[in-house]
C-alpha atoms as a PDB file:
ATOM      1  CA  MET A   1      20.603  18.509  15.253  1.00  0.00           C
ATOM      2  CA  PHE A   2      20.683  15.779  17.879  1.00  0.00           C
ATOM      3  CA  TYR A   3      23.788  15.724  20.042  1.00  0.00           C
ATOM      4  CA  HIS A   4      25.235  12.739  21.850  1.00  0.00           C
ATOM      5  CA  ASN A   5      26.543  13.314  25.399  1.00  0.00           C
ATOM      6  CA  ASN A   6      28.555  16.517  25.628  1.00  0.00           C
ATOM      7  CA  THR A   7      30.347  16.350  22.289  1.00  0.00           C
ATOM      8  CA  SER A   8      30.002  19.134  19.800  1.00  0.00           C
ATOM      9  CA  GLU A   9      29.616  16.774  16.844  1.00  0.00           C
ATOM     10  CA  PRO A  10      26.103  15.847  15.768  1.00  0.00           C
ATOM     11  CA  LEU A  11      25.084  12.236  16.203  1.00  0.00           C
ATOM     12  CA  LEU A  12      24.072  12.197  12.533  1.00  0.00           C
ATOM     13  CA  ASN A  13      27.742  12.214  11.572  1.00  0.00           C
ATOM     14  CA  LYS A  14      28.606   9.253  13.822  1.00  0.00           C
ATOM     15  CA  THR A  15      27.178   6.150  12.161  1.00  0.00           C
ATOM     16  CA  ASN A  16      25.282   5.134   9.066  1.00  0.00           C
ATOM     17  CA  GLU A  17      22.986   2.910  11.135  1.00  0.00           C
ATOM     18  CA  VAL A  18      21.776   5.834  13.216  1.00  0.00           C
ATOM     19  CA  ASN A  19      21.271   7.862  10.026  1.00  0.00           C
ATOM     20  CA  ARG A  20      19.105   5.135   8.517  1.00  0.00           C
ATOM     21  CA  ILE A  21      16.991   4.861  11.659  1.00  0.00           C
ATOM     22  CA  LEU A  22      16.482   8.612  11.883  1.00  0.00           C
ATOM     23  CA  PHE A  23      15.647   9.005   8.199  1.00  0.00           C
ATOM     24  CA  ALA A  24      13.222   6.057   8.317  1.00  0.00           C
ATOM     25  CA  SER A  25      11.326   7.601  11.208  1.00  0.00           C
ATOM     26  CA  LEU A  26       9.168   9.909   9.052  1.00  0.00           C
ATOM     27  CA  PRO A  27       7.708   7.244   6.744  1.00  0.00           C
ATOM     28  CA  PHE A  28       7.126   5.106   9.836  1.00  0.00           C
ATOM     29  CA  VAL A  29       5.282   7.963  11.572  1.00  0.00           C
ATOM     30  CA  VAL A  30       3.064   8.562   8.532  1.00  0.00           C
ATOM     31  CA  LEU A  31       2.335   4.839   8.222  1.00  0.00           C
ATOM     32  CA  LEU A  32       1.500   4.433  11.924  1.00  0.00           C
ATOM     33  CA  SER A  33      -0.730   7.494  11.900  1.00  0.00           C
ATOM     34  CA  SER A  34      -2.596   6.308   8.800  1.00  0.00           C
ATOM     35  CA  VAL A  35      -3.031   2.765  10.107  1.00  0.00           C
ATOM     36  CA  GLY A  36      -4.148   4.121  13.486  1.00  0.00           C
ATOM     37  CA  THR A  37      -6.826   6.231  11.830  1.00  0.00           C
ATOM     38  CA  VAL A  38      -8.197   3.257   9.905  1.00  0.00           C
ATOM     39  CA  VAL A  39      -8.153   1.047  13.012  1.00  0.00           C
ATOM     40  CA  ILE A  40     -10.007   3.698  15.049  1.00  0.00           C
ATOM     41  CA  LYS A  41     -12.679   3.943  12.346  1.00  0.00           C
ATOM     42  CA  THR A  42     -12.950   0.147  12.203  1.00  0.00           C
ATOM     43  CA  GLY A  43     -13.381  -0.058  15.968  1.00  0.00           C
ATOM     44  CA  GLN A  44     -16.077   2.600  15.935  1.00  0.00           C
ATOM     45  CA  ASN A  45     -17.952   0.933  13.073  1.00  0.00           C
ATOM     46  CA  LYS A  46     -17.920  -2.415  14.870  1.00  0.00           C
ATOM     47  CA  GLY A  47     -18.595  -0.911  18.279  1.00  0.00           C
ATOM     48  CA  ASN A  48     -15.487  -2.672  19.573  1.00  0.00           C
ATOM     49  CA  LEU A  49     -13.692  -0.717  22.285  1.00  0.00           C
ATOM     50  CA  LEU A  50     -10.561  -2.903  22.129  1.00  0.00           C
ATOM     51  CA  ILE A  51     -10.064  -2.177  18.407  1.00  0.00           C
ATOM     52  CA  THR A  52     -10.646   1.529  19.016  1.00  0.00           C
ATOM     53  CA  ILE A  53      -8.092   1.573  21.841  1.00  0.00           C
ATOM     54  CA  THR A  54      -5.605  -0.267  19.605  1.00  0.00           C
ATOM     55  CA  GLY A  55      -6.046   2.449  16.983  1.00  0.00           C
ATOM     56  CA  LEU A  56      -5.566   5.169  19.583  1.00  0.00           C
ATOM     57  CA  MET A  57      -2.412   3.478  20.833  1.00  0.00           C
ATOM     58  CA  THR A  58      -1.107   3.254  17.261  1.00  0.00           C
ATOM     59  CA  GLU A  59      -1.738   6.979  16.793  1.00  0.00           C
ATOM     60  CA  GLY A  60      -0.078   7.643  20.142  1.00  0.00           C
ATOM     61  CA  LEU A  61       2.985   5.672  19.071  1.00  0.00           C
ATOM     62  CA  ALA A  62       3.183   7.769  15.905  1.00  0.00           C
ATOM     63  CA  PHE A  63       3.156  10.948  17.972  1.00  0.00           C
ATOM     64  CA  LEU A  64       5.887   9.557  20.242  1.00  0.00           C
ATOM     65  CA  ILE A  65       8.093   9.021  17.179  1.00  0.00           C
ATOM     66  CA  TYR A  66       7.484  12.534  15.790  1.00  0.00           C
ATOM     67  CA  PRO A  67      10.327  14.081  17.847  1.00  0.00           C
ATOM     68  CA  ILE A  68      12.771  11.633  16.282  1.00  0.00           C
ATOM     69  CA  SER A  69      11.694  12.798  12.835  1.00  0.00           C
ATOM     70  CA  MET A  70      12.078  16.401  13.916  1.00  0.00           C
ATOM     71  CA  ARG A  71      15.768  15.774  14.552  1.00  0.00           C
ATOM     72  CA  VAL A  72      16.275  15.073  10.854  1.00  0.00           C
ATOM     73  CA  TYR A  73      13.445  16.705   8.907  1.00  0.00           C
ATOM     74  CA  SER A  74      12.091  20.219   8.904  1.00  0.00           C
ATOM     75  CA  LEU A  75       8.653  20.817  10.370  1.00  0.00           C
ATOM     76  CA  ARG A  76       7.427  21.737   6.883  1.00  0.00           C
ATOM     77  CA  THR A  77       8.523  18.353   5.484  1.00  0.00           C
ATOM     78  CA  ILE A  78       6.953  16.432   8.363  1.00  0.00           C
ATOM     79  CA  THR A  79       3.665  18.296   8.068  1.00  0.00           C
ATOM     80  CA  ILE A  80       3.563  17.894   4.297  1.00  0.00           C
ATOM     81  CA  CYS A  81       4.198  14.143   4.441  1.00  0.00           C
ATOM     82  CA  TRP A  82       1.642  13.655   7.209  1.00  0.00           C
ATOM     83  CA  SER A  83      -0.965  15.674   5.290  1.00  0.00           C
ATOM     84  CA  GLY A  84      -0.419  13.732   2.080  1.00  0.00           C
ATOM     85  CA  GLY A  85      -0.563  10.403   3.887  1.00  0.00           C
ATOM     86  CA  SER A  86      -3.761  11.406   5.665  1.00  0.00           C
ATOM     87  CA  ILE A  87      -5.457  12.445   2.435  1.00  0.00           C
ATOM     88  CA  LEU A  88      -4.529   9.213   0.682  1.00  0.00           C
ATOM     89  CA  THR A  89      -5.640   7.178   3.694  1.00  0.00           C
ATOM     90  CA  GLY A  90      -8.945   9.019   3.827  1.00  0.00           C
ATOM     91  CA  VAL A  91      -9.790   8.555   0.172  1.00  0.00           C
ATOM     92  CA  ILE A  92      -8.347   5.104  -0.525  1.00  0.00           C
ATOM     93  CA  GLY A  93      -9.017   3.567   2.896  1.00  0.00           C
ATOM     94  CA  GLY A  94     -12.511   4.999   3.020  1.00  0.00           C
ATOM     95  CA  TYR A  95     -13.337   3.614  -0.409  1.00  0.00           C
ATOM     96  CA  LEU A  96     -11.771   0.164  -0.001  1.00  0.00           C
ATOM     97  CA  LEU A  97     -12.624  -0.559   3.621  1.00  0.00           C
ATOM     98  CA  PHE A  98     -15.708   1.446   4.512  1.00  0.00           C
ATOM     99  CA  ASP A  99     -17.626   1.753   1.213  1.00  0.00           C
ATOM    100  CA  GLU A 100     -17.286   5.544   1.300  1.00  0.00           C
ATOM    101  CA  ILE A 101     -17.638   6.647  -2.298  1.00  0.00           C
ATOM    102  CA  PRO A 102     -16.039  10.065  -2.749  1.00  0.00           C
ATOM    103  CA  SER A 103     -17.883  12.636  -4.799  1.00  0.00           C
ATOM    104  CA  LYS A 104     -16.259  14.301  -7.789  1.00  0.00           C
ATOM    105  CA  MET A 105     -16.014  17.499  -5.765  1.00  0.00           C
ATOM    106  CA  SER A 106     -14.194  15.811  -2.877  1.00  0.00           C
ATOM    107  CA  LEU A 107     -11.791  14.088  -5.284  1.00  0.00           C
ATOM    108  CA  MET A 108     -11.043  17.452  -6.906  1.00  0.00           C
ATOM    109  CA  GLY A 109     -10.430  18.949  -3.466  1.00  0.00           C
ATOM    110  CA  CYS A 110      -8.032  16.126  -2.578  1.00  0.00           C
ATOM    111  CA  LEU A 111      -6.267  16.570  -5.910  1.00  0.00           C
ATOM    112  CA  PHE A 112      -5.811  20.298  -5.288  1.00  0.00           C
ATOM    113  CA  VAL A 113      -4.441  19.645  -1.810  1.00  0.00           C
ATOM    114  CA  ILE A 114      -1.987  17.031  -3.117  1.00  0.00           C
ATOM    115  CA  ILE A 115      -0.856  19.448  -5.851  1.00  0.00           C
ATOM    116  CA  GLY A 116      -0.350  22.032  -3.121  1.00  0.00           C
ATOM    117  CA  ILE A 117       1.678  19.507  -1.129  1.00  0.00           C
ATOM    118  CA  VAL A 118       3.924  18.878  -4.129  1.00  0.00           C
ATOM    119  CA  PHE A 119       4.493  22.616  -4.572  1.00  0.00           C
ATOM    120  CA  ALA A 120       5.102  23.136  -0.854  1.00  0.00           C
ATOM    121  CA  ALA A 121       7.635  20.311  -0.763  1.00  0.00           C
ATOM    122  CA  SER A 122       9.727  21.773  -3.565  1.00  0.00           C
END
């Protein structure tokens, strides 16, 4: 739990606004990490260093927000959400943006991993 000043009460019990910010941190981290990955790939494909650096900064921002998520969520939940988001980004983003057509075998592998994520989350 995150503690404010020297009080013994967790900050999570203080305000609803803080609760909403802390709980929203995980989806934001997953989104930033996924977008950063796509931007890095775009920069590399175009040979544009500025786009690549923007993607790296987006990924870096995601990793700076991770500790906020760890105040609310378990490490297992964070890792599971990040893994699922990365898999979906890889398959969907690769197909839509980079003309990467996944094979049947890779789609089956992604499906098995996502099924594993669902079981691990429960």
